PDB file of N, CA and C in Angstrom:
ATOM      1  N   UNK A   1     -10.562  26.342  21.723  1.00  0.00           N
ATOM      2  CA  UNK A   1     -11.680  25.594  21.197  1.00  0.00           C
ATOM      3  C   UNK A   1     -12.026  24.481  22.192  1.00  0.00           C
ATOM      4  N   UNK A   2     -13.285  24.329  22.473  1.00  0.00           N
ATOM      5  CA  UNK A   2     -13.743  23.329  23.438  1.00  0.00           C
ATOM      6  C   UNK A   2     -13.833  21.951  22.787  1.00  0.00           C
ATOM      7  N   UNK A   3     -13.481  20.942  23.553  1.00  0.00           N
ATOM      8  CA  UNK A   3     -13.612  19.562  23.072  1.00  0.00           C
ATOM      9  C   UNK A   3     -15.089  19.211  23.024  1.00  0.00           C
ATOM     10  N   UNK A   4     -15.530  18.717  21.876  1.00  0.00           N
ATOM     11  CA  UNK A   4     -16.933  18.381  21.696  1.00  0.00           C
ATOM     12  C   UNK A   4     -17.218  16.896  21.876  1.00  0.00           C
ATOM     13  N   UNK A   5     -16.164  16.075  21.713  1.00  0.00           N
ATOM     14  CA  UNK A   5     -16.390  14.632  21.762  1.00  0.00           C
ATOM     15  C   UNK A   5     -15.059  13.934  22.006  1.00  0.00           C
ATOM     16  N   UNK A   6     -15.102  12.831  22.703  1.00  0.00           N
ATOM     17  CA  UNK A   6     -13.950  11.938  22.842  1.00  0.00           C
ATOM     18  C   UNK A   6     -14.284  10.625  22.163  1.00  0.00           C
ATOM     19  N   UNK A   7     -13.279   9.947  21.677  1.00  0.00           N
ATOM     20  CA  UNK A   7     -13.469   8.650  21.044  1.00  0.00           C
ATOM     21  C   UNK A   7     -12.310   7.750  21.453  1.00  0.00           C
ATOM     22  N   UNK A   8     -12.448   6.471  21.220  1.00  0.00           N
ATOM     23  CA  UNK A   8     -11.407   5.518  21.584  1.00  0.00           C
ATOM     24  C   UNK A   8     -11.062   4.619  20.414  1.00  0.00           C
ATOM     25  N   UNK A   9      -9.792   4.264  20.362  1.00  0.00           N
ATOM     26  CA  UNK A   9      -9.307   3.218  19.473  1.00  0.00           C
ATOM     27  C   UNK A   9      -8.698   2.172  20.386  1.00  0.00           C
ATOM     28  N   UNK A  10      -9.162   0.953  20.266  1.00  0.00           N
ATOM     29  CA  UNK A  10      -8.706  -0.121  21.149  1.00  0.00           C
ATOM     30  C   UNK A  10      -7.922  -1.158  20.349  1.00  0.00           C
ATOM     31  N   UNK A  11      -6.808  -1.593  20.914  1.00  0.00           N
ATOM     32  CA  UNK A  11      -5.988  -2.629  20.295  1.00  0.00           C
ATOM     33  C   UNK A  11      -5.840  -3.763  21.297  1.00  0.00           C
ATOM     34  N   UNK A  12      -6.220  -4.954  20.879  1.00  0.00           N
ATOM     35  CA  UNK A  12      -6.083  -6.139  21.734  1.00  0.00           C
ATOM     36  C   UNK A  12      -4.989  -7.018  21.149  1.00  0.00           C
ATOM     37  N   UNK A  13      -4.024  -7.367  21.976  1.00  0.00           N
ATOM     38  CA  UNK A  13      -2.910  -8.194  21.538  1.00  0.00           C
ATOM     39  C   UNK A  13      -2.876  -9.451  22.396  1.00  0.00           C
ATOM     40  N   UNK A  14      -3.005 -10.606  21.749  1.00  0.00           N
ATOM     41  CA  UNK A  14      -2.899 -11.893  22.443  1.00  0.00           C
ATOM     42  C   UNK A  14      -1.483 -12.407  22.277  1.00  0.00           C
ATOM     43  N   UNK A  15      -0.846 -12.719  23.407  1.00  0.00           N
ATOM     44  CA  UNK A  15       0.556 -13.114  23.416  1.00  0.00           C
ATOM     45  C   UNK A  15       0.719 -14.590  23.725  1.00  0.00           C
ATOM     46  N   UNK A  16       1.816 -15.167  23.225  1.00  0.00           N
ATOM     47  CA  UNK A  16       2.141 -16.545  23.589  1.00  0.00           C
ATOM     48  C   UNK A  16       2.921 -16.539  24.915  1.00  0.00           C
ATOM     49  N   UNK A  17       3.421 -17.691  25.313  1.00  0.00           N
ATOM     50  CA  UNK A  17       4.130 -17.808  26.586  1.00  0.00           C
ATOM     51  C   UNK A  17       5.429 -16.995  26.629  1.00  0.00           C
ATOM     52  N   UNK A  18       5.948 -16.601  25.463  1.00  0.00           N
ATOM     53  CA  UNK A  18       7.164 -15.793  25.387  1.00  0.00           C
ATOM     54  C   UNK A  18       6.871 -14.316  25.103  1.00  0.00           C
ATOM     55  N   UNK A  19       5.619 -13.932  25.270  1.00  0.00           N
ATOM     56  CA  UNK A  19       5.167 -12.556  25.028  1.00  0.00           C
ATOM     57  C   UNK A  19       5.315 -12.123  23.577  1.00  0.00           C
ATOM     58  N   UNK A  20       5.207 -13.072  22.662  1.00  0.00           N
ATOM     59  CA  UNK A  20       5.219 -12.786  21.226  1.00  0.00           C
ATOM     60  C   UNK A  20       3.762 -12.715  20.757  1.00  0.00           C
ATOM     61  N   UNK A  21       3.401 -11.648  20.027  1.00  0.00           N
ATOM     62  CA  UNK A  21       2.016 -11.545  19.557  1.00  0.00           C
ATOM     63  C   UNK A  21       1.614 -12.725  18.660  1.00  0.00           C
ATOM     64  N   UNK A  22       0.486 -13.323  18.998  1.00  0.00           N
ATOM     65  CA  UNK A  22      -0.095 -14.402  18.182  1.00  0.00           C
ATOM     66  C   UNK A  22      -1.311 -13.918  17.417  1.00  0.00           C
ATOM     67  N   UNK A  23      -2.032 -12.981  18.012  1.00  0.00           N
ATOM     68  CA  UNK A  23      -3.241 -12.461  17.382  1.00  0.00           C
ATOM     69  C   UNK A  23      -3.433 -11.018  17.823  1.00  0.00           C
ATOM     70  N   UNK A  24      -3.923 -10.197  16.892  1.00  0.00           N
ATOM     71  CA  UNK A  24      -4.237  -8.809  17.217  1.00  0.00           C
ATOM     72  C   UNK A  24      -5.581  -8.450  16.597  1.00  0.00           C
ATOM     73  N   UNK A  25      -6.323  -7.654  17.340  1.00  0.00           N
ATOM     74  CA  UNK A  25      -7.595  -7.128  16.870  1.00  0.00           C
ATOM     75  C   UNK A  25      -7.654  -5.664  17.261  1.00  0.00           C
ATOM     76  N   UNK A  26      -8.367  -4.886  16.459  1.00  0.00           N
ATOM     77  CA  UNK A  26      -8.539  -3.484  16.802  1.00  0.00           C
ATOM     78  C   UNK A  26      -9.982  -3.060  16.587  1.00  0.00           C
ATOM     79  N   UNK A  27     -10.362  -2.053  17.373  1.00  0.00           N
ATOM     80  CA  UNK A  27     -11.716  -1.529  17.329  1.00  0.00           C
ATOM     81  C   UNK A  27     -11.659  -0.010  17.292  1.00  0.00           C
ATOM     82  N   UNK A  28     -12.419   0.572  16.396  1.00  0.00           N
ATOM     83  CA  UNK A  28     -12.622   2.021  16.321  1.00  0.00           C
ATOM     84  C   UNK A  28     -14.095   2.200  15.958  1.00  0.00           C
ATOM     85  N   UNK A  29     -14.932   2.161  16.971  1.00  0.00           N
ATOM     86  CA  UNK A  29     -16.375   2.125  16.731  1.00  0.00           C
ATOM     87  C   UNK A  29     -16.877   3.331  15.950  1.00  0.00           C
ATOM     88  N   UNK A  30     -16.276   4.515  16.167  1.00  0.00           N
ATOM     89  CA  UNK A  30     -16.696   5.686  15.392  1.00  0.00           C
ATOM     90  C   UNK A  30     -16.376   5.514  13.912  1.00  0.00           C
ATOM     91  N   UNK A  31     -15.399   4.672  13.598  1.00  0.00           N
ATOM     92  CA  UNK A  31     -15.032   4.399  12.213  1.00  0.00           C
ATOM     93  C   UNK A  31     -15.696   3.150  11.658  1.00  0.00           C
ATOM     94  N   UNK A  32     -16.562   2.532  12.451  1.00  0.00           N
ATOM     95  CA  UNK A  32     -17.274   1.339  12.004  1.00  0.00           C
ATOM     96  C   UNK A  32     -16.442   0.070  12.062  1.00  0.00           C
ATOM     97  N   UNK A  33     -15.378   0.072  12.872  1.00  0.00           N
ATOM     98  CA  UNK A  33     -14.507  -1.098  12.983  1.00  0.00           C
ATOM     99  C   UNK A  33     -14.713  -1.730  14.346  1.00  0.00           C
ATOM    100  N   UNK A  34     -14.998  -3.024  14.360  1.00  0.00           N
ATOM    101  CA  UNK A  34     -15.214  -3.750  15.622  1.00  0.00           C
ATOM    102  C   UNK A  34     -14.476  -5.079  15.557  1.00  0.00           C
ATOM    103  N   UNK A  35     -13.491  -5.260  16.432  1.00  0.00           N
ATOM    104  CA  UNK A  35     -12.735  -6.512  16.532  1.00  0.00           C
ATOM    105  C   UNK A  35     -12.178  -6.972  15.188  1.00  0.00           C
ATOM    106  N   UNK A  36     -11.566  -6.058  14.461  1.00  0.00           N
ATOM    107  CA  UNK A  36     -10.973  -6.373  13.161  1.00  0.00           C
ATOM    108  C   UNK A  36      -9.634  -7.059  13.364  1.00  0.00           C
ATOM    109  N   UNK A  37      -9.468  -8.243  12.783  1.00  0.00           N
ATOM    110  CA  UNK A  37      -8.177  -8.932  12.855  1.00  0.00           C
ATOM    111  C   UNK A  37      -7.138  -8.155  12.065  1.00  0.00           C
ATOM    112  N   UNK A  38      -5.917  -8.177  12.561  1.00  0.00           N
ATOM    113  CA  UNK A  38      -4.794  -7.608  11.841  1.00  0.00           C
ATOM    114  C   UNK A  38      -3.544  -8.414  12.160  1.00  0.00           C
ATOM    115  N   UNK A  39      -2.592  -8.410  11.268  1.00  0.00           N
ATOM    116  CA  UNK A  39      -1.346  -9.149  11.485  1.00  0.00           C
ATOM    117  C   UNK A  39      -0.177  -8.229  11.809  1.00  0.00           C
ATOM    118  N   UNK A  40      -0.344  -6.913  11.594  1.00  0.00           N
ATOM    119  CA  UNK A  40       0.747  -5.987  11.879  1.00  0.00           C
ATOM    120  C   UNK A  40       0.195  -4.596  12.138  1.00  0.00           C
ATOM    121  N   UNK A  41       0.951  -3.833  12.930  1.00  0.00           N
ATOM    122  CA  UNK A  41       0.594  -2.439  13.179  1.00  0.00           C
ATOM    123  C   UNK A  41       1.849  -1.639  13.465  1.00  0.00           C
ATOM    124  N   UNK A  42       1.839  -0.403  13.014  1.00  0.00           N
ATOM    125  CA  UNK A  42       2.894   0.562  13.299  1.00  0.00           C
ATOM    126  C   UNK A  42       2.186   1.783  13.874  1.00  0.00           C
ATOM    127  N   UNK A  43       2.534   2.146  15.077  1.00  0.00           N
ATOM    128  CA  UNK A  43       1.868   3.253  15.749  1.00  0.00           C
ATOM    129  C   UNK A  43       2.924   4.220  16.254  1.00  0.00           C
ATOM    130  N   UNK A  44       2.767   5.493  15.937  1.00  0.00           N
ATOM    131  CA  UNK A  44       3.730   6.505  16.364  1.00  0.00           C
ATOM    132  C   UNK A  44       2.996   7.657  17.034  1.00  0.00           C
ATOM    133  N   UNK A  45       3.623   8.183  18.072  1.00  0.00           N
ATOM    134  CA  UNK A  45       3.141   9.367  18.766  1.00  0.00           C
ATOM    135  C   UNK A  45       4.274  10.381  18.801  1.00  0.00           C
ATOM    136  N   UNK A  46       3.939  11.665  18.817  1.00  0.00           N
ATOM    137  CA  UNK A  46       4.948  12.705  18.904  1.00  0.00           C
ATOM    138  C   UNK A  46       4.982  13.258  20.321  1.00  0.00           C
ATOM    139  N   UNK A  47       6.144  13.183  20.948  1.00  0.00           N
ATOM    140  CA  UNK A  47       6.376  13.766  22.266  1.00  0.00           C
ATOM    141  C   UNK A  47       6.980  15.149  22.031  1.00  0.00           C
ATOM    142  N   UNK A  48       6.153  16.177  22.134  1.00  0.00           N
ATOM    143  CA  UNK A  48       6.641  17.525  21.828  1.00  0.00           C
ATOM    144  C   UNK A  48       7.605  18.045  22.884  1.00  0.00           C
ATOM    145  N   UNK A  49       7.516  17.559  24.111  1.00  0.00           N
ATOM    146  CA  UNK A  49       8.461  17.988  25.146  1.00  0.00           C
ATOM    147  C   UNK A  49       9.866  17.461  24.863  1.00  0.00           C
ATOM    148  N   UNK A  50       9.966  16.196  24.517  1.00  0.00           N
ATOM    149  CA  UNK A  50      11.262  15.571  24.245  1.00  0.00           C
ATOM    150  C   UNK A  50      11.688  15.712  22.782  1.00  0.00           C
ATOM    151  N   UNK A  51      10.768  16.179  21.935  1.00  0.00           N
ATOM    152  CA  UNK A  51      11.031  16.331  20.503  1.00  0.00           C
ATOM    153  C   UNK A  51      11.467  15.013  19.875  1.00  0.00           C
ATOM    154  N   UNK A  52      10.658  13.963  20.134  1.00  0.00           N
ATOM    155  CA  UNK A  52      10.977  12.652  19.568  1.00  0.00           C
ATOM    156  C   UNK A  52       9.717  11.840  19.350  1.00  0.00           C
ATOM    157  N   UNK A  53       9.841  10.901  18.425  1.00  0.00           N
ATOM    158  CA  UNK A  53       8.741   9.983  18.133  1.00  0.00           C
ATOM    159  C   UNK A  53       8.779   8.817  19.110  1.00  0.00           C
ATOM    160  N   UNK A  54       7.611   8.454  19.584  1.00  0.00           N
ATOM    161  CA  UNK A  54       7.443   7.269  20.423  1.00  0.00           C
ATOM    162  C   UNK A  54       6.718   6.246  19.563  1.00  0.00           C
ATOM    163  N   UNK A  55       7.263   5.048  19.471  1.00  0.00           N
ATOM    164  CA  UNK A  55       6.730   4.080  18.513  1.00  0.00           C
ATOM    165  C   UNK A  55       6.367   2.756  19.162  1.00  0.00           C
ATOM    166  N   UNK A  56       5.391   2.114  18.561  1.00  0.00           N
ATOM    167  CA  UNK A  56       5.020   0.759  18.927  1.00  0.00           C
ATOM    168  C   UNK A  56       4.794  -0.001  17.621  1.00  0.00           C
ATOM    169  N   UNK A  57       5.686  -0.922  17.318  1.00  0.00           N
ATOM    170  CA  UNK A  57       5.600  -1.716  16.097  1.00  0.00           C
ATOM    171  C   UNK A  57       5.392  -3.168  16.503  1.00  0.00           C
ATOM    172  N   UNK A  58       4.275  -3.733  16.111  1.00  0.00           N
ATOM    173  CA  UNK A  58       3.960  -5.114  16.469  1.00  0.00           C
ATOM    174  C   UNK A  58       3.494  -5.880  15.240  1.00  0.00           C
ATOM    175  N   UNK A  59       3.822  -7.166  15.205  1.00  0.00           N
ATOM    176  CA  UNK A  59       3.289  -8.052  14.182  1.00  0.00           C
ATOM    177  C   UNK A  59       3.205  -9.441  14.781  1.00  0.00           C
ATOM    178  N   UNK A  60       2.248 -10.223  14.271  1.00  0.00           N
ATOM    179  CA  UNK A  60       2.070 -11.578  14.774  1.00  0.00           C
ATOM    180  C   UNK A  60       3.142 -12.481  14.188  1.00  0.00           C
ATOM    181  N   UNK A  61       3.435 -13.540  14.921  1.00  0.00           N
ATOM    182  CA  UNK A  61       4.566 -14.386  14.521  1.00  0.00           C
ATOM    183  C   UNK A  61       4.327 -15.138  13.222  1.00  0.00           C
ATOM    184  N   UNK A  62       3.076 -15.270  12.791  1.00  0.00           N
ATOM    185  CA  UNK A  62       2.835 -15.964  11.523  1.00  0.00           C
ATOM    186  C   UNK A  62       2.634 -15.000  10.347  1.00  0.00           C
ATOM    187  N   UNK A  63       3.028 -13.737  10.533  1.00  0.00           N
ATOM    188  CA  UNK A  63       2.935 -12.763   9.433  1.00  0.00           C
ATOM    189  C   UNK A  63       3.928 -13.156   8.344  1.00  0.00           C
ATOM    190  N   UNK A  64       3.436 -13.451   7.145  1.00  0.00           N
ATOM    191  CA  UNK A  64       4.338 -13.828   6.057  1.00  0.00           C
ATOM    192  C   UNK A  64       5.234 -12.656   5.630  1.00  0.00           C
ATOM    193  N   UNK A  65       6.468 -12.960   5.292  1.00  0.00           N
ATOM    194  CA  UNK A  65       7.431 -11.926   4.903  1.00  0.00           C
ATOM    195  C   UNK A  65       6.939 -11.144   3.690  1.00  0.00           C
ATOM    196  N   UNK A  66       6.349 -11.812   2.708  1.00  0.00           N
ATOM    197  CA  UNK A  66       5.885 -11.089   1.522  1.00  0.00           C
ATOM    198  C   UNK A  66       4.784 -10.086   1.873  1.00  0.00           C
ATOM    199  N   UNK A  67       3.926 -10.435   2.832  1.00  0.00           N
ATOM    200  CA  UNK A  67       2.899  -9.495   3.272  1.00  0.00           C
ATOM    201  C   UNK A  67       3.517  -8.342   4.065  1.00  0.00           C
ATOM    202  N   UNK A  68       4.559  -8.637   4.857  1.00  0.00           N
ATOM    203  CA  UNK A  68       5.243  -7.578   5.605  1.00  0.00           C
ATOM    204  C   UNK A  68       5.908  -6.600   4.645  1.00  0.00           C
ATOM    205  N   UNK A  69       6.505  -7.107   3.578  1.00  0.00           N
ATOM    206  CA  UNK A  69       7.126  -6.229   2.588  1.00  0.00           C
ATOM    207  C   UNK A  69       6.086  -5.314   1.939  1.00  0.00           C
ATOM    208  N   UNK A  70       4.952  -5.878   1.574  1.00  0.00           N
ATOM    209  CA  UNK A  70       3.882  -5.090   0.966  1.00  0.00           C
ATOM    210  C   UNK A  70       3.322  -4.078   1.971  1.00  0.00           C
ATOM    211  N   UNK A  71       3.172  -4.492   3.223  1.00  0.00           N
ATOM    212  CA  UNK A  71       2.704  -3.607   4.285  1.00  0.00           C
ATOM    213  C   UNK A  71       3.642  -2.407   4.435  1.00  0.00           C
ATOM    214  N   UNK A  72       4.941  -2.655   4.446  1.00  0.00           N
ATOM    215  CA  UNK A  72       5.905  -1.559   4.562  1.00  0.00           C
ATOM    216  C   UNK A  72       5.840  -0.647   3.344  1.00  0.00           C
ATOM    217  N   UNK A  73       5.754  -1.209   2.152  1.00  0.00           N
ATOM    218  CA  UNK A  73       5.669  -0.395   0.947  1.00  0.00           C
ATOM    219  C   UNK A  73       4.444   0.527   1.005  1.00  0.00           C
ATOM    220  N   UNK A  74       3.296  -0.048   1.322  1.00  0.00           N
ATOM    221  CA  UNK A  74       2.073   0.745   1.378  1.00  0.00           C
ATOM    222  C   UNK A  74       2.144   1.803   2.476  1.00  0.00           C
ATOM    223  N   UNK A  75       2.769   1.455   3.603  1.00  0.00           N
ATOM    224  CA  UNK A  75       2.932   2.412   4.696  1.00  0.00           C
ATOM    225  C   UNK A  75       3.849   3.556   4.285  1.00  0.00           C
ATOM    226  N   UNK A  76       4.950   3.232   3.614  1.00  0.00           N
ATOM    227  CA  UNK A  76       5.861   4.275   3.147  1.00  0.00           C
ATOM    228  C   UNK A  76       5.167   5.211   2.152  1.00  0.00           C
ATOM    229  N   UNK A  77       4.365   4.652   1.255  1.00  0.00           N
ATOM    230  CA  UNK A  77       3.623   5.480   0.302  1.00  0.00           C
ATOM    231  C   UNK A  77       2.637   6.390   1.043  1.00  0.00           C
ATOM    232  N   UNK A  78       1.966   5.838   2.020  1.00  0.00           N
ATOM    233  CA  UNK A  78       1.012   6.613   2.807  1.00  0.00           C
ATOM    234  C   UNK A  78       1.719   7.719   3.592  1.00  0.00           C
ATOM    235  N   UNK A  79       2.893   7.406   4.138  1.00  0.00           N
ATOM    236  CA  UNK A  79       3.664   8.424   4.848  1.00  0.00           C
ATOM    237  C   UNK A  79       4.088   9.551   3.909  1.00  0.00           C
ATOM    238  N   UNK A  80       4.399   9.218   2.670  1.00  0.00           N
ATOM    239  CA  UNK A  80       4.739  10.251   1.686  1.00  0.00           C
ATOM    240  C   UNK A  80       3.552  11.187   1.475  1.00  0.00           C
ATOM    241  N   UNK A  81       2.373  10.609   1.327  1.00  0.00           N
ATOM    242  CA  UNK A  81       1.162  11.417   1.142  1.00  0.00           C
ATOM    243  C   UNK A  81       0.888  12.281   2.367  1.00  0.00           C
ATOM    244  N   UNK A  82       1.044  11.692   3.554  1.00  0.00           N
ATOM    245  CA  UNK A  82       0.820  12.432   4.795  1.00  0.00           C
ATOM    246  C   UNK A  82       1.830  13.561   4.940  1.00  0.00           C
ATOM    247  N   UNK A  83       3.091  13.273   4.609  1.00  0.00           N
ATOM    248  CA  UNK A  83       4.130  14.296   4.669  1.00  0.00           C
ATOM    249  C   UNK A  83       3.755  15.482   3.775  1.00  0.00           C
ATOM    250  N   UNK A  84       3.265  15.197   2.580  1.00  0.00           N
ATOM    251  CA  UNK A  84       2.881  16.275   1.669  1.00  0.00           C
ATOM    252  C   UNK A  84       1.717  17.094   2.234  1.00  0.00           C
ATOM    253  N   UNK A  85       0.693  16.407   2.728  1.00  0.00           N
ATOM    254  CA  UNK A  85      -0.458  17.124   3.288  1.00  0.00           C
ATOM    255  C   UNK A  85      -0.039  18.002   4.471  1.00  0.00           C
ATOM    256  N   UNK A  86       0.940  17.531   5.253  1.00  0.00           N
ATOM    257  CA  UNK A  86       1.372  18.269   6.442  1.00  0.00           C
ATOM    258  C   UNK A  86       2.319  19.419   6.122  1.00  0.00           C
ATOM    259  N   UNK A  87       3.110  19.290   5.045  1.00  0.00           N
ATOM    260  CA  UNK A  87       4.171  20.275   4.781  1.00  0.00           C
ATOM    261  C   UNK A  87       4.046  21.017   3.458  1.00  0.00           C
ATOM    262  N   UNK A  88       3.322  20.442   2.515  1.00  0.00           N
ATOM    263  CA  UNK A  88       3.243  20.980   1.152  1.00  0.00           C
ATOM    264  C   UNK A  88       4.614  21.029   0.476  1.00  0.00           C
ATOM    265  N   UNK A  89       5.549  20.195   0.927  1.00  0.00           N
ATOM    266  CA  UNK A  89       6.910  20.153   0.374  1.00  0.00           C
ATOM    267  C   UNK A  89       6.927  19.175  -0.800  1.00  0.00           C
ATOM    268  N   UNK A  90       6.736  19.713  -1.999  1.00  0.00           N
ATOM    269  CA  UNK A  90       6.629  18.877  -3.191  1.00  0.00           C
ATOM    270  C   UNK A  90       7.934  18.163  -3.521  1.00  0.00           C
ATOM    271  N   UNK A  91       9.046  18.861  -3.357  1.00  0.00           N
ATOM    272  CA  UNK A  91      10.342  18.284  -3.719  1.00  0.00           C
ATOM    273  C   UNK A  91      10.682  17.072  -2.843  1.00  0.00           C
ATOM    274  N   UNK A  92      10.545  17.207  -1.529  1.00  0.00           N
ATOM    275  CA  UNK A  92      10.866  16.087  -0.649  1.00  0.00           C
ATOM    276  C   UNK A  92       9.841  14.955  -0.807  1.00  0.00           C
ATOM    277  N   UNK A  93       8.589  15.309  -1.049  1.00  0.00           N
ATOM    278  CA  UNK A  93       7.573  14.280  -1.278  1.00  0.00           C
ATOM    279  C   UNK A  93       7.923  13.458  -2.516  1.00  0.00           C
ATOM    280  N   UNK A  94       8.362  14.125  -3.569  1.00  0.00           N
ATOM    281  CA  UNK A  94       8.764  13.411  -4.784  1.00  0.00           C
ATOM    282  C   UNK A  94       9.954  12.499  -4.498  1.00  0.00           C
ATOM    283  N   UNK A  95      10.884  12.967  -3.684  1.00  0.00           N
ATOM    284  CA  UNK A  95      12.044  12.152  -3.314  1.00  0.00           C
ATOM    285  C   UNK A  95      11.602  10.926  -2.525  1.00  0.00           C
ATOM    286  N   UNK A  96      10.672  11.124  -1.614  1.00  0.00           N
ATOM    287  CA  UNK A  96      10.164   9.993  -0.826  1.00  0.00           C
ATOM    288  C   UNK A  96       9.458   8.981  -1.735  1.00  0.00           C
ATOM    289  N   UNK A  97       8.675   9.460  -2.678  1.00  0.00           N
ATOM    290  CA  UNK A  97       7.968   8.558  -3.598  1.00  0.00           C
ATOM    291  C   UNK A  97       8.955   7.823  -4.507  1.00  0.00           C
ATOM    292  N   UNK A  98      10.028   8.508  -4.904  1.00  0.00           N
ATOM    293  CA  UNK A  98      11.076   7.832  -5.687  1.00  0.00           C
ATOM    294  C   UNK A  98      11.672   6.676  -4.883  1.00  0.00           C
ATOM    295  N   UNK A  99      11.924   6.913  -3.599  1.00  0.00           N
ATOM    296  CA  UNK A  99      12.431   5.834  -2.757  1.00  0.00           C
ATOM    297  C   UNK A  99      11.428   4.691  -2.674  1.00  0.00           C
ATOM    298  N   UNK A 100      10.148   5.013  -2.550  1.00  0.00           N
ATOM    299  CA  UNK A 100       9.116   3.972  -2.494  1.00  0.00           C
ATOM    300  C   UNK A 100       9.120   3.133  -3.767  1.00  0.00           C
ATOM    301  N   UNK A 101       9.278   3.792  -4.915  1.00  0.00           N
ATOM    302  CA  UNK A 101       9.363   3.060  -6.180  1.00  0.00           C
ATOM    303  C   UNK A 101      10.586   2.146  -6.192  1.00  0.00           C
ATOM    304  N   UNK A 102      11.707   2.654  -5.718  1.00  0.00           N
ATOM    305  CA  UNK A 102      12.942   1.869  -5.627  1.00  0.00           C
ATOM    306  C   UNK A 102      12.742   0.668  -4.697  1.00  0.00           C
ATOM    307  N   UNK A 103      12.135   0.905  -3.551  1.00  0.00           N
ATOM    308  CA  UNK A 103      11.840  -0.134  -2.566  1.00  0.00           C
ATOM    309  C   UNK A 103      10.998  -1.244  -3.208  1.00  0.00           C
ATOM    310  N   UNK A 104       9.933  -0.842  -3.888  1.00  0.00           N
ATOM    311  CA  UNK A 104       9.036  -1.810  -4.529  1.00  0.00           C
ATOM    312  C   UNK A 104       9.746  -2.568  -5.643  1.00  0.00           C
ATOM    313  N   UNK A 105      10.583  -1.874  -6.395  1.00  0.00           N
ATOM    314  CA  UNK A 105      11.320  -2.521  -7.481  1.00  0.00           C
ATOM    315  C   UNK A 105      12.286  -3.576  -6.929  1.00  0.00           C
ATOM    316  N   UNK A 106      13.054  -3.220  -5.906  1.00  0.00           N
ATOM    317  CA  UNK A 106      14.039  -4.142  -5.337  1.00  0.00           C
ATOM    318  C   UNK A 106      13.384  -5.362  -4.699  1.00  0.00           C
ATOM    319  N   UNK A 107      12.183  -5.175  -4.146  1.00  0.00           N
ATOM    320  CA  UNK A 107      11.475  -6.303  -3.536  1.00  0.00           C
ATOM    321  C   UNK A 107      10.532  -6.988  -4.523  1.00  0.00           C
ATOM    322  N   UNK A 108      10.544  -6.510  -5.763  1.00  0.00           N
ATOM    323  CA  UNK A 108       9.693  -7.052  -6.830  1.00  0.00           C
ATOM    324  C   UNK A 108       8.224  -7.084  -6.410  1.00  0.00           C
ATOM    325  N   UNK A 109       7.765  -5.958  -5.861  1.00  0.00           N
ATOM    326  CA  UNK A 109       6.375  -5.851  -5.413  1.00  0.00           C
ATOM    327  C   UNK A 109       5.445  -5.436  -6.532  1.00  0.00           C
ATOM    328  N   UNK A 110       5.986  -4.745  -7.540  1.00  0.00           N
ATOM    329  CA  UNK A 110       5.163  -4.314  -8.661  1.00  0.00           C
ATOM    330  C   UNK A 110       5.302  -5.315  -9.789  1.00  0.00           C
ATOM    331  N   UNK A 111       4.179  -5.750 -10.287  1.00  0.00           N
ATOM    332  CA  UNK A 111       4.184  -6.753 -11.347  1.00  0.00           C
ATOM    333  C   UNK A 111       3.821  -6.149 -12.670  1.00  0.00           C
TER     334      UNK A 111
END
């Protein structure tokens, strides 16, 4: 199949004197996002030659812990949904969602 279009996602990270992120912005113009502020990002790529995940996890130094906990919970839930769409494995997806519920309960994220 021939490539019909290329697109870009841009991430700008402003660092302090110790190379700690102070500010992050991202742009995905095809998605209608331009210079959107963010406090955290988790990015993973699959290296099929090495059979391993390559990751970049960044957050700004003023990211509140309670927001980081909620960010992780929502990310874990999203990963469960993605896992299901990719594998159709209902049993493992249910197990992952059970863990997410446990995670949220222990961190008192659900009110």
